[in-house]
All heavy atoms as atom14 arrays in JSON, in Angstrom:
{
  "sequence": "SVLLAHNGSYIVHPDKDKLSNPAVFSQKEQNVDPSEIEAA",
  "atom14_mask": [
    [1, 1, 1, 1, 1, 1, 0, 0, 0, 0, 0, 0, 0, 0],
    [1, 1, 1, 1, 1, 1, 1, 0, 0, 0, 0, 0, 0, 0],
    [1, 1, 1, 1, 1, 1, 1, 1, 0, 0, 0, 0, 0, 0],
    [1, 1, 1, 1, 1, 1, 1, 1, 0, 0, 0, 0, 0, 0],
    [1, 1, 1, 1, 1, 0, 0, 0, 0, 0, 0, 0, 0, 0],
    [1, 1, 1, 1, 1, 1, 1, 1, 1, 1, 0, 0, 0, 0],
    [1, 1, 1, 1, 1, 1, 1, 1, 0, 0, 0, 0, 0, 0],
    [1, 1, 1, 1, 0, 0, 0, 0, 0, 0, 0, 0, 0, 0],
    [1, 1, 1, 1, 1, 1, 0, 0, 0, 0, 0, 0, 0, 0],
    [1, 1, 1, 1, 1, 1, 1, 1, 1, 1, 1, 1, 0, 0],
    [1, 1, 1, 1, 1, 1, 1, 1, 0, 0, 0, 0, 0, 0],
    [1, 1, 1, 1, 1, 1, 1, 0, 0, 0, 0, 0, 0, 0],
    [1, 1, 1, 1, 1, 1, 1, 1, 1, 1, 0, 0, 0, 0],
    [1, 1, 1, 1, 1, 1, 1, 0, 0, 0, 0, 0, 0, 0],
    [1, 1, 1, 1, 1, 1, 1, 1, 0, 0, 0, 0, 0, 0],
    [1, 1, 1, 1, 1, 1, 1, 1, 1, 0, 0, 0, 0, 0],
    [1, 1, 1, 1, 1, 1, 1, 1, 0, 0, 0, 0, 0, 0],
    [1, 1, 1, 1, 1, 1, 1, 1, 1, 0, 0, 0, 0, 0],
    [1, 1, 1, 1, 1, 1, 1, 1, 0, 0, 0, 0, 0, 0],
    [1, 1, 1, 1, 1, 1, 0, 0, 0, 0, 0, 0, 0, 0],
    [1, 1, 1, 1, 1, 1, 1, 1, 0, 0, 0, 0, 0, 0],
    [1, 1, 1, 1, 1, 1, 1, 0, 0, 0, 0, 0, 0, 0],
    [1, 1, 1, 1, 1, 0, 0, 0, 0, 0, 0, 0, 0, 0],
    [1, 1, 1, 1, 1, 1, 1, 0, 0, 0, 0, 0, 0, 0],
    [1, 1, 1, 1, 1, 1, 1, 1, 1, 1, 1, 0, 0, 0],
    [1, 1, 1, 1, 1, 1, 0, 0, 0, 0, 0, 0, 0, 0],
    [1, 1, 1, 1, 1, 1, 1, 1, 1, 0, 0, 0, 0, 0],
    [1, 1, 1, 1, 1, 1, 1, 1, 1, 0, 0, 0, 0, 0],
    [1, 1, 1, 1, 1, 1, 1, 1, 1, 0, 0, 0, 0, 0],
    [1, 1, 1, 1, 1, 1, 1, 1, 1, 0, 0, 0, 0, 0],
    [1, 1, 1, 1, 1, 1, 1, 1, 0, 0, 0, 0, 0, 0],
    [1, 1, 1, 1, 1, 1, 1, 0, 0, 0, 0, 0, 0, 0],
    [1, 1, 1, 1, 1, 1, 1, 1, 0, 0, 0, 0, 0, 0],
    [1, 1, 1, 1, 1, 1, 1, 0, 0, 0, 0, 0, 0, 0],
    [1, 1, 1, 1, 1, 1, 0, 0, 0, 0, 0, 0, 0, 0],
    [1, 1, 1, 1, 1, 1, 1, 1, 1, 0, 0, 0, 0, 0],
    [1, 1, 1, 1, 1, 1, 1, 1, 0, 0, 0, 0, 0, 0],
    [1, 1, 1, 1, 1, 1, 1, 1, 1, 0, 0, 0, 0, 0],
    [1, 1, 1, 1, 1, 0, 0, 0, 0, 0, 0, 0, 0, 0],
    [1, 1, 1, 1, 1, 0, 0, 0, 0, 0, 0, 0, 0, 0]
  ],
  "atom14_positions": [
    [[-2.77, -7.81, -9.99], [-3.88, -6.99, -9.51], [-3.86, -6.95, -7.99], [-3.45, -7.92, -7.34], [-5.22, -7.56, -10.0], [-5.25, -7.63, -11.41], [0.0, 0.0, 0.0], [0.0, 0.0, 0.0], [0.0, 0.0, 0.0], [0.0, 0.0, 0.0], [0.0, 0.0, 0.0], [0.0, 0.0, 0.0], [0.0, 0.0, 0.0], [0.0, 0.0, 0.0]],
    [[-4.32, -5.84, -7.42], [-4.42, -5.69, -5.97], [-5.8, -5.13, -5.64], [-6.49, -4.6, -6.5], [-3.32, -4.77, -5.39], [-1.94, -5.31, -5.72], [-3.48, -3.35, -5.9], [0.0, 0.0, 0.0], [0.0, 0.0, 0.0], [0.0, 0.0, 0.0], [0.0, 0.0, 0.0], [0.0, 0.0, 0.0], [0.0, 0.0, 0.0], [0.0, 0.0, 0.0]],
    [[-6.17, -5.26, -4.37], [-7.42, -4.68, -3.88], [-7.1, -3.83, -2.67], [-6.42, -4.27, -1.75], [-8.41, -5.79, -3.5], [-9.77, -5.35, -2.97], [-10.55, -4.6, -4.05], [-10.58, -6.56, -2.49], [0.0, 0.0, 0.0], [0.0, 0.0, 0.0], [0.0, 0.0, 0.0], [0.0, 0.0, 0.0], [0.0, 0.0, 0.0], [0.0, 0.0, 0.0]],
    [[-7.59, -2.57, -2.69], [-7.34, -1.63, -1.6], [-8.62, -1.38, -0.81], [-9.71, -1.38, -1.37], [-6.82, -0.29, -2.14], [-5.48, -0.3, -2.87], [-5.18, 1.1, -3.4], [-4.36, -0.77, -1.97], [0.0, 0.0, 0.0], [0.0, 0.0, 0.0], [0.0, 0.0, 0.0], [0.0, 0.0, 0.0], [0.0, 0.0, 0.0], [0.0, 0.0, 0.0]],
    [[-8.44, -1.11, 0.49], [-9.56, -0.72, 1.34], [-9.76, 0.79, 1.22], [-8.98, 1.5, 0.59], [-9.27, -1.1, 2.79], [0.0, 0.0, 0.0], [0.0, 0.0, 0.0], [0.0, 0.0, 0.0], [0.0, 0.0, 0.0], [0.0, 0.0, 0.0], [0.0, 0.0, 0.0], [0.0, 0.0, 0.0], [0.0, 0.0, 0.0], [0.0, 0.0, 0.0]],
    [[-10.83, 1.3, 1.84], [-11.12, 2.73, 1.8], [-9.97, 3.55, 2.35], [-9.71, 4.67, 1.9], [-12.39, 3.04, 2.6], [-13.64, 2.49, 2.0], [-14.11, 2.88, 0.77], [-14.52, 1.57, 2.46], [-15.23, 2.23, 0.49], [-15.5, 1.42, 1.49], [0.0, 0.0, 0.0], [0.0, 0.0, 0.0], [0.0, 0.0, 0.0], [0.0, 0.0, 0.0]],
    [[-9.25, 3.0, 3.35], [-8.17, 3.76, 3.97], [-6.84, 3.6, 3.24], [-5.81, 4.1, 3.68], [-8.01, 3.35, 5.44], [-7.64, 1.88, 5.59], [-7.39, 1.18, 4.61], [-7.59, 1.42, 6.83], [0.0, 0.0, 0.0], [0.0, 0.0, 0.0], [0.0, 0.0, 0.0], [0.0, 0.0, 0.0], [0.0, 0.0, 0.0], [0.0, 0.0, 0.0]],
    [[-6.84, 2.87, 2.12], [-5.63, 2.72, 1.33], [-4.8, 1.51, 1.7], [-3.78, 1.24, 1.05], [0.0, 0.0, 0.0], [0.0, 0.0, 0.0], [0.0, 0.0, 0.0], [0.0, 0.0, 0.0], [0.0, 0.0, 0.0], [0.0, 0.0, 0.0], [0.0, 0.0, 0.0], [0.0, 0.0, 0.0], [0.0, 0.0, 0.0], [0.0, 0.0, 0.0]],
    [[-5.19, 0.75, 2.71], [-4.43, -0.46, 3.06], [-4.76, -1.57, 2.06], [-5.82, -1.58, 1.45], [-4.77, -0.91, 4.48], [-6.14, -1.26, 4.58], [0.0, 0.0, 0.0], [0.0, 0.0, 0.0], [0.0, 0.0, 0.0], [0.0, 0.0, 0.0], [0.0, 0.0, 0.0], [0.0, 0.0, 0.0], [0.0, 0.0, 0.0], [0.0, 0.0, 0.0]],
    [[-3.81, -2.48, 1.9], [-4.01, -3.59, 0.97], [-4.94, -4.64, 1.58], [-4.73, -5.1, 2.69], [-2.68, -4.24, 0.61], [-1.77, -3.38, -0.22], [-0.61, -2.82, 0.33], [-2.05, -3.11, -1.55], [0.24, -2.03, -0.43], [-1.21, -2.32, -2.31], [-0.08, -1.78, -1.75], [0.75, -0.99, -2.5], [0.0, 0.0, 0.0], [0.0, 0.0, 0.0]],
    [[-5.96, -5.02, 0.81], [-6.8, -6.15, 1.19], [-6.28, -7.41, 0.53], [-6.19, -8.47, 1.13], [-8.27, -5.91, 0.76], [-8.82, -4.66, 1.42], [-9.13, -7.12, 1.12], [-10.23, -4.31, 0.97], [0.0, 0.0, 0.0], [0.0, 0.0, 0.0], [0.0, 0.0, 0.0], [0.0, 0.0, 0.0], [0.0, 0.0, 0.0], [0.0, 0.0, 0.0]],
    [[-5.91, -7.28, -0.76], [-5.36, -8.4, -1.52], [-4.08, -7.9, -2.2], [-4.08, -6.85, -2.84], [-6.34, -8.92, -2.58], [-5.7, -10.06, -3.39], [-7.62, -9.4, -1.93], [0.0, 0.0, 0.0], [0.0, 0.0, 0.0], [0.0, 0.0, 0.0], [0.0, 0.0, 0.0], [0.0, 0.0, 0.0], [0.0, 0.0, 0.0], [0.0, 0.0, 0.0]],
    [[-3.0, -8.66, -2.05], [-1.73, -8.33, -2.7], [-0.91, -9.62, -2.81], [-0.91, -10.42, -1.87], [-0.97, -7.28, -1.87], [0.15, -6.61, -2.61], [1.3, -7.26, -2.97], [0.28, -5.35, -3.09], [2.1, -6.43, -3.62], [1.49, -5.27, -3.7], [0.0, 0.0, 0.0], [0.0, 0.0, 0.0], [0.0, 0.0, 0.0], [0.0, 0.0, 0.0]],
    [[-0.24, -9.84, -3.94], [0.55, -11.08, -4.07], [1.7, -11.17, -3.07], [2.14, -12.27, -2.73], [1.07, -11.02, -5.52], [0.96, -9.59, -5.93], [-0.21, -9.05, -5.18], [0.0, 0.0, 0.0], [0.0, 0.0, 0.0], [0.0, 0.0, 0.0], [0.0, 0.0, 0.0], [0.0, 0.0, 0.0], [0.0, 0.0, 0.0], [0.0, 0.0, 0.0]],
    [[2.21, -10.02, -2.6], [3.23, -10.0, -1.57], [2.54, -9.94, -0.21], [2.04, -8.9, 0.21], [4.14, -8.78, -1.77], [5.27, -8.72, -0.74], [5.3, -9.59, 0.16], [6.09, -7.79, -0.82], [0.0, 0.0, 0.0], [0.0, 0.0, 0.0], [0.0, 0.0, 0.0], [0.0, 0.0, 0.0], [0.0, 0.0, 0.0], [0.0, 0.0, 0.0]],
    [[2.53, -11.06, 0.5], [1.78, -11.14, 1.74], [2.29, -10.18, 2.81], [1.55, -9.79, 3.71], [1.8, -12.58, 2.28], [1.02, -13.55, 1.41], [0.97, -14.94, 2.02], [0.15, -15.88, 1.14], [0.1, -17.25, 1.71], [0.0, 0.0, 0.0], [0.0, 0.0, 0.0], [0.0, 0.0, 0.0], [0.0, 0.0, 0.0], [0.0, 0.0, 0.0]],
    [[3.56, -9.77, 2.71], [4.08, -8.81, 3.68], [3.35, -7.47, 3.6], [3.25, -6.74, 4.59], [5.58, -8.58, 3.44], [6.42, -9.8, 3.81], [5.92, -10.64, 4.6], [7.55, -9.92, 3.31], [0.0, 0.0, 0.0], [0.0, 0.0, 0.0], [0.0, 0.0, 0.0], [0.0, 0.0, 0.0], [0.0, 0.0, 0.0], [0.0, 0.0, 0.0]],
    [[2.85, -7.16, 2.41], [2.13, -5.9, 2.23], [0.83, -5.88, 3.04], [0.35, -4.82, 3.43], [1.79, -5.68, 0.75], [3.0, -5.44, -0.14], [3.54, -4.05, 0.06], [4.64, -3.72, -0.93], [5.22, -2.39, -0.71], [0.0, 0.0, 0.0], [0.0, 0.0, 0.0], [0.0, 0.0, 0.0], [0.0, 0.0, 0.0], [0.0, 0.0, 0.0]],
    [[0.26, -7.06, 3.28], [-1.04, -7.13, 3.95], [-0.95, -6.74, 5.42], [-1.95, -6.35, 6.02], [-1.62, -8.54, 3.82], [-1.81, -9.05, 2.39], [-2.36, -10.47, 2.39], [-2.74, -8.13, 1.6], [0.0, 0.0, 0.0], [0.0, 0.0, 0.0], [0.0, 0.0, 0.0], [0.0, 0.0, 0.0], [0.0, 0.0, 0.0], [0.0, 0.0, 0.0]],
    [[0.24, -6.84, 5.99], [0.4, -6.49, 7.4], [0.95, -5.08, 7.58], [1.12, -4.61, 8.71], [1.35, -7.49, 8.09], [2.62, -7.49, 7.44], [0.0, 0.0, 0.0], [0.0, 0.0, 0.0], [0.0, 0.0, 0.0], [0.0, 0.0, 0.0], [0.0, 0.0, 0.0], [0.0, 0.0, 0.0], [0.0, 0.0, 0.0], [0.0, 0.0, 0.0]],
    [[1.23, -4.39, 6.47], [1.76, -3.03, 6.54], [0.63, -2.03, 6.74], [-0.53, -2.32, 6.43], [2.52, -2.68, 5.26], [3.89, -3.33, 5.23], [4.45, -3.67, 6.26], [4.43, -3.5, 4.04], [0.0, 0.0, 0.0], [0.0, 0.0, 0.0], [0.0, 0.0, 0.0], [0.0, 0.0, 0.0], [0.0, 0.0, 0.0], [0.0, 0.0, 0.0]],
    [[0.95, -0.83, 7.21], [-0.08, 0.21, 7.32], [-0.5, 0.66, 5.93], [0.0, 0.18, 4.92], [0.64, 1.33, 8.08], [2.09, 1.11, 7.8], [2.25, -0.38, 7.71], [0.0, 0.0, 0.0], [0.0, 0.0, 0.0], [0.0, 0.0, 0.0], [0.0, 0.0, 0.0], [0.0, 0.0, 0.0], [0.0, 0.0, 0.0], [0.0, 0.0, 0.0]],
    [[-1.42, 1.61, 5.89], [-1.91, 2.1, 4.61], [-0.75, 2.59, 3.75], [0.22, 3.14, 4.24], [-2.9, 3.25, 4.84], [0.0, 0.0, 0.0], [0.0, 0.0, 0.0], [0.0, 0.0, 0.0], [0.0, 0.0, 0.0], [0.0, 0.0, 0.0], [0.0, 0.0, 0.0], [0.0, 0.0, 0.0], [0.0, 0.0, 0.0], [0.0, 0.0, 0.0]],
    [[-0.87, 2.37, 2.44], [0.2, 2.74, 1.52], [0.5, 4.23, 1.6], [1.61, 4.68, 1.35], [-0.17, 2.33, 0.08], [-1.32, 3.17, -0.45], [1.04, 2.46, -0.85], [0.0, 0.0, 0.0], [0.0, 0.0, 0.0], [0.0, 0.0, 0.0], [0.0, 0.0, 0.0], [0.0, 0.0, 0.0], [0.0, 0.0, 0.0], [0.0, 0.0, 0.0]],
    [[-0.46, 5.04, 2.01], [-0.25, 6.48, 2.12], [0.8, 6.83, 3.17], [1.39, 7.89, 3.14], [-1.55, 7.19, 2.49], [-2.68, 6.93, 1.53], [-3.99, 6.92, 1.97], [-2.44, 6.69, 0.19], [-5.03, 6.69, 1.09], [-3.47, 6.46, -0.7], [-4.77, 6.45, -0.25], [0.0, 0.0, 0.0], [0.0, 0.0, 0.0], [0.0, 0.0, 0.0]],
    [[1.0, 5.95, 4.15], [1.91, 6.26, 5.24], [3.23, 5.51, 5.12], [3.97, 5.39, 6.08], [1.26, 5.92, 6.59], [0.99, 4.53, 6.67], [0.0, 0.0, 0.0], [0.0, 0.0, 0.0], [0.0, 0.0, 0.0], [0.0, 0.0, 0.0], [0.0, 0.0, 0.0], [0.0, 0.0, 0.0], [0.0, 0.0, 0.0], [0.0, 0.0, 0.0]],
    [[3.54, 5.0, 3.92], [4.72, 4.17, 3.75], [5.93, 4.94, 3.21], [6.86, 4.35, 2.67], [4.41, 2.98, 2.83], [3.46, 1.99, 3.48], [3.22, 0.78, 2.59], [3.84, 0.65, 1.55], [2.34, -0.1, 2.99], [0.0, 0.0, 0.0], [0.0, 0.0, 0.0], [0.0, 0.0, 0.0], [0.0, 0.0, 0.0], [0.0, 0.0, 0.0]],
    [[5.94, 6.27, 3.33], [7.06, 7.05, 2.83], [8.36, 6.62, 3.51], [9.43, 6.62, 2.91], [6.81, 8.54, 3.06], [5.67, 9.09, 2.21], [5.49, 10.58, 2.46], [4.33, 11.12, 1.63], [4.1, 12.57, 1.85], [0.0, 0.0, 0.0], [0.0, 0.0, 0.0], [0.0, 0.0, 0.0], [0.0, 0.0, 0.0], [0.0, 0.0, 0.0]],
    [[8.26, 6.27, 4.8], [9.47, 5.89, 5.52], [10.0, 4.55, 5.04], [11.1, 4.15, 5.38], [9.18, 5.83, 7.03], [8.26, 4.7, 7.48], [6.78, 5.04, 7.29], [6.51, 6.12, 6.75], [5.94, 4.23, 7.69], [0.0, 0.0, 0.0], [0.0, 0.0, 0.0], [0.0, 0.0, 0.0], [0.0, 0.0, 0.0], [0.0, 0.0, 0.0]],
    [[9.22, 3.82, 4.22], [9.66, 2.54, 3.69], [10.13, 2.69, 2.25], [10.13, 1.74, 1.48], [8.52, 1.52, 3.77], [8.05, 1.3, 5.2], [6.89, 0.31, 5.27], [6.75, -0.53, 4.38], [6.08, 0.41, 6.29], [0.0, 0.0, 0.0], [0.0, 0.0, 0.0], [0.0, 0.0, 0.0], [0.0, 0.0, 0.0], [0.0, 0.0, 0.0]],
    [[10.54, 3.9, 1.89], [11.08, 4.17, 0.56], [10.09, 3.9, -0.57], [10.47, 3.48, -1.66], [12.36, 3.35, 0.32], [13.47, 3.71, 1.3], [13.67, 4.88, 1.61], [14.16, 2.7, 1.8], [0.0, 0.0, 0.0], [0.0, 0.0, 0.0], [0.0, 0.0, 0.0], [0.0, 0.0, 0.0], [0.0, 0.0, 0.0], [0.0, 0.0, 0.0]],
    [[8.84, 4.13, -0.31], [7.83, 4.03, -1.36], [7.9, 5.29, -2.21], [7.91, 6.4, -1.68], [6.41, 3.85, -0.76], [5.37, 3.9, -1.87], [6.34, 2.54, 0.0], [0.0, 0.0, 0.0], [0.0, 0.0, 0.0], [0.0, 0.0, 0.0], [0.0, 0.0, 0.0], [0.0, 0.0, 0.0], [0.0, 0.0, 0.0], [0.0, 0.0, 0.0]],
    [[7.96, 5.12, -3.52], [8.04, 6.26, -4.41], [6.75, 7.09, -4.32], [5.67, 6.53, -4.26], [8.26, 5.78, -5.85], [8.66, 6.92, -6.77], [7.75, 7.58, -7.3], [9.86, 7.12, -6.95], [0.0, 0.0, 0.0], [0.0, 0.0, 0.0], [0.0, 0.0, 0.0], [0.0, 0.0, 0.0], [0.0, 0.0, 0.0], [0.0, 0.0, 0.0]],
    [[6.86, 8.42, -4.31], [5.66, 9.27, -4.23], [4.66, 8.99, -5.34], [3.46, 9.12, -5.13], [6.23, 10.69, -4.35], [7.64, 10.58, -3.86], [8.1, 9.22, -4.26], [0.0, 0.0, 0.0], [0.0, 0.0, 0.0], [0.0, 0.0, 0.0], [0.0, 0.0, 0.0], [0.0, 0.0, 0.0], [0.0, 0.0, 0.0], [0.0, 0.0, 0.0]],
    [[5.15, 8.57, -6.51], [4.25, 8.28, -7.63], [3.34, 7.1, -7.32], [2.2, 7.04, -7.76], [5.04, 8.02, -8.91], [5.88, 6.88, -8.76], [0.0, 0.0, 0.0], [0.0, 0.0, 0.0], [0.0, 0.0, 0.0], [0.0, 0.0, 0.0], [0.0, 0.0, 0.0], [0.0, 0.0, 0.0], [0.0, 0.0, 0.0], [0.0, 0.0, 0.0]],
    [[3.84, 6.13, -6.52], [3.02, 4.98, -6.14], [1.92, 5.41, -5.17], [0.78, 4.94, -5.26], [3.87, 3.89, -5.5], [3.08, 2.64, -5.14], [3.9, 1.57, -4.46], [5.14, 1.72, -4.37], [3.31, 0.56, -4.02], [0.0, 0.0, 0.0], [0.0, 0.0, 0.0], [0.0, 0.0, 0.0], [0.0, 0.0, 0.0], [0.0, 0.0, 0.0]],
    [[2.26, 6.32, -4.26], [1.26, 6.83, -3.32], [0.17, 7.58, -4.07], [-1.02, 7.44, -3.78], [1.94, 7.73, -2.27], [2.92, 6.89, -1.43], [0.9, 8.38, -1.38], [3.7, 7.7, -0.42], [0.0, 0.0, 0.0], [0.0, 0.0, 0.0], [0.0, 0.0, 0.0], [0.0, 0.0, 0.0], [0.0, 0.0, 0.0], [0.0, 0.0, 0.0]],
    [[0.57, 8.38, -5.07], [-0.42, 9.12, -5.86], [-1.32, 8.17, -6.62], [-2.52, 8.4, -6.75], [0.3, 10.08, -6.82], [0.98, 11.25, -6.13], [0.02, 12.05, -5.27], [-1.1, 12.35, -5.76], [0.35, 12.35, -4.11], [0.0, 0.0, 0.0], [0.0, 0.0, 0.0], [0.0, 0.0, 0.0], [0.0, 0.0, 0.0], [0.0, 0.0, 0.0]],
    [[-0.75, 7.09, -7.15], [-1.55, 6.1, -7.87], [-2.55, 5.42, -6.93], [-3.71, 5.2, -7.28], [-0.64, 5.05, -8.52], [0.0, 0.0, 0.0], [0.0, 0.0, 0.0], [0.0, 0.0, 0.0], [0.0, 0.0, 0.0], [0.0, 0.0, 0.0], [0.0, 0.0, 0.0], [0.0, 0.0, 0.0], [0.0, 0.0, 0.0], [0.0, 0.0, 0.0]],
    [[-2.1, 5.12, -5.71], [-2.99, 4.49, -4.73], [-4.13, 5.43, -4.36], [-5.28, 5.01, -4.23], [-2.2, 4.08, -3.49], [0.0, 0.0, 0.0], [0.0, 0.0, 0.0], [0.0, 0.0, 0.0], [0.0, 0.0, 0.0], [0.0, 0.0, 0.0], [0.0, 0.0, 0.0], [0.0, 0.0, 0.0], [0.0, 0.0, 0.0], [0.0, 0.0, 0.0]]
  ]
}
């Protein structure tokens, strides 16, 4: 399970590196699949 903020950034995630990343919406350059962005 994860917890997202209003802006789409991770508040809680088992991968701690995710917590320092920008909002998941802006992670296209990090090879995030578009389906994950839509889910977020």
